[in-house]
C-alpha atoms as a PDB file:
ATOM      1  CA  MET A   1      -2.368 -12.084 -10.640  1.00  0.00           C
ATOM      2  CA  THR A   2      -5.433 -11.004 -12.858  1.00  0.00           C
ATOM      3  CA  THR A   3      -7.548  -7.761 -11.557  1.00  0.00           C
ATOM      4  CA  ALA A   4     -10.402 -10.211 -11.138  1.00  0.00           C
ATOM      5  CA  ASP A   5      -8.496 -12.307  -8.989  1.00  0.00           C
ATOM      6  CA  ALA A   6      -6.980  -9.648  -6.957  1.00  0.00           C
ATOM      7  CA  GLU A   7     -10.899  -8.752  -6.384  1.00  0.00           C
ATOM      8  CA  ARG A   8     -11.996 -11.984  -5.362  1.00  0.00           C
ATOM      9  CA  ILE A   9      -9.282 -12.806  -3.041  1.00  0.00           C
ATOM     10  CA  PHE A  10      -8.940  -9.199  -1.010  1.00  0.00           C
ATOM     11  CA  THR A  11     -12.678  -7.954  -1.269  1.00  0.00           C
ATOM     12  CA  GLY A  12     -14.057  -7.853   2.121  1.00  0.00           C
ATOM     13  CA  ILE A  13     -10.897  -9.052   3.979  1.00  0.00           C
ATOM     14  CA  ALA A  14      -9.025  -5.686   3.617  1.00  0.00           C
ATOM     15  CA  GLY A  15     -10.150  -4.432   7.034  1.00  0.00           C
ATOM     16  CA  THR A  16      -8.258  -7.591   9.050  1.00  0.00           C
ATOM     17  CA  TYR A  17      -5.579  -8.194   6.496  1.00  0.00           C
ATOM     18  CA  ASP A  18      -3.031  -6.607   8.598  1.00  0.00           C
ATOM     19  CA  ARG A  19      -3.948  -8.147  11.813  1.00  0.00           C
ATOM     20  CA  VAL A  20      -4.529 -11.780  10.110  1.00  0.00           C
ATOM     21  CA  ALA A  21      -0.577 -11.076   8.398  1.00  0.00           C
ATOM     22  CA  ALA A  22       0.786 -10.463  11.788  1.00  0.00           C
ATOM     23  CA  VAL A  23      -0.477 -13.755  12.958  1.00  0.00           C
ATOM     24  CA  LEU A  24       0.085 -15.863   9.923  1.00  0.00           C
ATOM     25  CA  SER A  25       3.769 -14.399   9.779  1.00  0.00           C
ATOM     26  CA  LEU A  26       3.949 -14.939  13.713  1.00  0.00           C
ATOM     27  CA  GLY A  27       4.588 -11.636  14.092  1.00  0.00           C
ATOM     28  CA  GLN A  28       7.684 -11.310  12.112  1.00  0.00           C
ATOM     29  CA  ASP A  29       5.966  -8.613   9.305  1.00  0.00           C
ATOM     30  CA  PRO A  30       7.597  -5.646  11.151  1.00  0.00           C
ATOM     31  CA  ARG A  31      10.758  -7.069  10.412  1.00  0.00           C
ATOM     32  CA  TRP A  32      10.692  -7.664   6.834  1.00  0.00           C
ATOM     33  CA  ARG A  33       9.105  -4.275   6.381  1.00  0.00           C
ATOM     34  CA  ARG A  34      12.306  -2.953   8.254  1.00  0.00           C
ATOM     35  CA  ALA A  35      14.349  -4.762   6.079  1.00  0.00           C
ATOM     36  CA  LEU A  36      12.399  -3.844   2.868  1.00  0.00           C
ATOM     37  CA  VAL A  37      12.528   0.095   3.865  1.00  0.00           C
ATOM     38  CA  ASP A  38      16.440  -0.330   5.103  1.00  0.00           C
ATOM     39  CA  ALA A  39      16.967  -1.599   1.248  1.00  0.00           C
ATOM     40  CA  ILE A  40      15.527   2.141  -0.532  1.00  0.00           C
ATOM     41  CA  ASP A  41      17.786   4.662  -0.534  1.00  0.00           C
ATOM     42  CA  ALA A  42      15.291   7.594  -0.687  1.00  0.00           C
ATOM     43  CA  ALA A  43      15.239  11.145   0.782  1.00  0.00           C
ATOM     44  CA  THR A  44      13.093  13.831   1.216  1.00  0.00           C
ATOM     45  CA  GLY A  45      11.484  15.110  -1.849  1.00  0.00           C
ATOM     46  CA  ASP A  46      11.932  11.809  -3.872  1.00  0.00           C
ATOM     47  CA  ARG A  47       8.856   9.878  -5.260  1.00  0.00           C
ATOM     48  CA  VAL A  48       8.991   6.210  -4.424  1.00  0.00           C
ATOM     49  CA  LEU A  49       6.538   3.771  -6.321  1.00  0.00           C
ATOM     50  CA  ASP A  50       5.358   1.079  -4.114  1.00  0.00           C
ATOM     51  CA  VAL A  51       3.872  -1.826  -6.425  1.00  0.00           C
ATOM     52  CA  ALA A  52       1.174  -3.868  -4.599  1.00  0.00           C
ATOM     53  CA  THR A  53       0.945  -1.638  -1.659  1.00  0.00           C
ATOM     54  CA  GLY A  54      -2.157  -3.377  -0.097  1.00  0.00           C
ATOM     55  CA  THR A  55      -2.906  -1.332   3.115  1.00  0.00           C
ATOM     56  CA  GLY A  56      -0.194   0.861   2.558  1.00  0.00           C
ATOM     57  CA  MET A  57       1.872  -0.470   5.384  1.00  0.00           C
ATOM     58  CA  VAL A  58       5.209  -0.215   3.399  1.00  0.00           C
ATOM     59  CA  ALA A  59       4.481   3.079   1.985  1.00  0.00           C
ATOM     60  CA  LYS A  60       3.869   4.855   5.674  1.00  0.00           C
ATOM     61  CA  ALA A  61       6.835   3.338   6.653  1.00  0.00           C
ATOM     62  CA  LEU A  62       8.920   5.093   4.002  1.00  0.00           C
ATOM     63  CA  ARG A  63       6.948   8.276   4.295  1.00  0.00           C
ATOM     64  CA  ASP A  64       8.048   7.995   8.233  1.00  0.00           C
ATOM     65  CA  ALA A  65      11.627   6.898   6.964  1.00  0.00           C
ATOM     66  CA  PHE A  66      12.353   9.013   4.212  1.00  0.00           C
ATOM     67  CA  GLY A  67       9.586  11.921   4.320  1.00  0.00           C
ATOM     68  CA  CYS A  68       9.245  11.308   0.957  1.00  0.00           C
ATOM     69  CA  THR A  69       6.073  11.032  -1.491  1.00  0.00           C
ATOM     70  CA  VAL A  70       5.021   7.418  -1.680  1.00  0.00           C
ATOM     71  CA  VAL A  71       2.445   6.282  -4.834  1.00  0.00           C
ATOM     72  CA  GLY A  72       0.801   3.178  -4.071  1.00  0.00           C
ATOM     73  CA  LEU A  73      -0.348   0.870  -6.855  1.00  0.00           C
ATOM     74  CA  ASP A  74      -2.754  -1.919  -6.218  1.00  0.00           C
ATOM     75  CA  GLN A  75      -5.255  -4.285  -7.698  1.00  0.00           C
ATOM     76  CA  SER A  76      -7.658  -4.728  -5.003  1.00  0.00           C
ATOM     77  CA  PRO A  77      -9.778  -1.331  -4.274  1.00  0.00           C
ATOM     78  CA  ASP A  78     -10.442  -2.530  -1.242  1.00  0.00           C
ATOM     79  CA  MET A  79      -6.892  -2.477   0.012  1.00  0.00           C
ATOM     80  CA  LEU A  80      -6.514   0.809  -1.255  1.00  0.00           C
ATOM     81  CA  ARG A  81      -9.654   2.410   0.695  1.00  0.00           C
ATOM     82  CA  VAL A  82      -7.552   0.845   3.833  1.00  0.00           C
ATOM     83  CA  ALA A  83      -4.575   2.613   3.100  1.00  0.00           C
ATOM     84  CA  THR A  84      -5.618   5.809   2.677  1.00  0.00           C
ATOM     85  CA  VAL A  85      -8.004   5.769   5.841  1.00  0.00           C
ATOM     86  CA  ARG A  86      -5.530   4.165   8.149  1.00  0.00           C
ATOM     87  CA  PRO A  87      -5.222   5.996  11.519  1.00  0.00           C
ATOM     88  CA  ALA A  88      -1.497   6.564  11.086  1.00  0.00           C
ATOM     89  CA  LEU A  89      -1.771   7.987   7.751  1.00  0.00           C
ATOM     90  CA  ARG A  90      -4.585  10.674   8.961  1.00  0.00           C
ATOM     91  CA  GLY A  91      -3.265  13.958   8.286  1.00  0.00           C
ATOM     92  CA  ARG A  92      -1.668  13.385   5.206  1.00  0.00           C
ATOM     93  CA  ARG A  93      -2.989  13.776   1.556  1.00  0.00           C
ATOM     94  CA  ALA A  94      -4.301  10.507   0.132  1.00  0.00           C
ATOM     95  CA  THR A  95      -6.423   9.800  -2.805  1.00  0.00           C
ATOM     96  CA  VAL A  96      -7.771   7.291  -4.565  1.00  0.00           C
ATOM     97  CA  ARG A  97      -8.516   6.881  -8.417  1.00  0.00           C
ATOM     98  CA  PRO A  98      -8.455   4.550 -11.416  1.00  0.00           C
ATOM     99  CA  ALA A  99      -5.424   3.733 -13.209  1.00  0.00           C
ATOM    100  CA  ARG A 100      -4.756   1.631 -16.050  1.00  0.00           C
ATOM    101  CA  SER A 101      -2.158  -0.516 -17.112  1.00  0.00           C
ATOM    102  CA  PRO A 102      -1.887  -2.452 -20.615  1.00  0.00           C
ATOM    103  CA  GLY A 103      -4.009  -5.334 -19.660  1.00  0.00           C
ATOM    104  CA  SER A 104      -5.785  -4.389 -16.899  1.00  0.00           C
ATOM    105  CA  SER A 105      -8.955  -4.053 -15.963  1.00  0.00           C
ATOM    106  CA  PRO A 106     -10.627  -0.088 -15.337  1.00  0.00           C
ATOM    107  CA  ARG A 107     -11.663  -1.446 -11.726  1.00  0.00           C
ATOM    108  CA  SER A 108      -7.361  -1.424 -10.918  1.00  0.00           C
ATOM    109  CA  SER A 109      -6.711   1.318  -8.563  1.00  0.00           C
ATOM    110  CA  ARG A 110      -4.021   3.655  -7.650  1.00  0.00           C
ATOM    111  CA  ALA A 111      -3.121   5.452  -3.796  1.00  0.00           C
ATOM    112  CA  ARG A 112      -1.005   8.656  -4.003  1.00  0.00           C
ATOM    113  CA  ALA A 113      -0.193   9.749  -0.487  1.00  0.00           C
ATOM    114  CA  GLN A 114       2.453  12.685   0.134  1.00  0.00           C
ATOM    115  CA  PRO A 115       3.680  13.536   3.623  1.00  0.00           C
END
């Protein structure tokens, strides 16, 4: 998916994305999130990269489970804005800033959140 595709698809839906995902997965999204976190071997002080972090639900689950630092990477600035202001992440440092990789546009973004 290109950055332009991500912007077209995810701009404007970030605020309701988690609720829609829960409905469309018939409530199964917490189960796959737990399975993903259970498959990670992290510890306090580790840094974990969450690629396609979206609204930060996996990043939050990783921090809650391991106390690790999570760097969230996503092509959608709107999704990252939700990740950095989500009530469950309040009280934790989170910033959004541009990040570029080969072939990406300067509008790609990265969120960094620490426990």
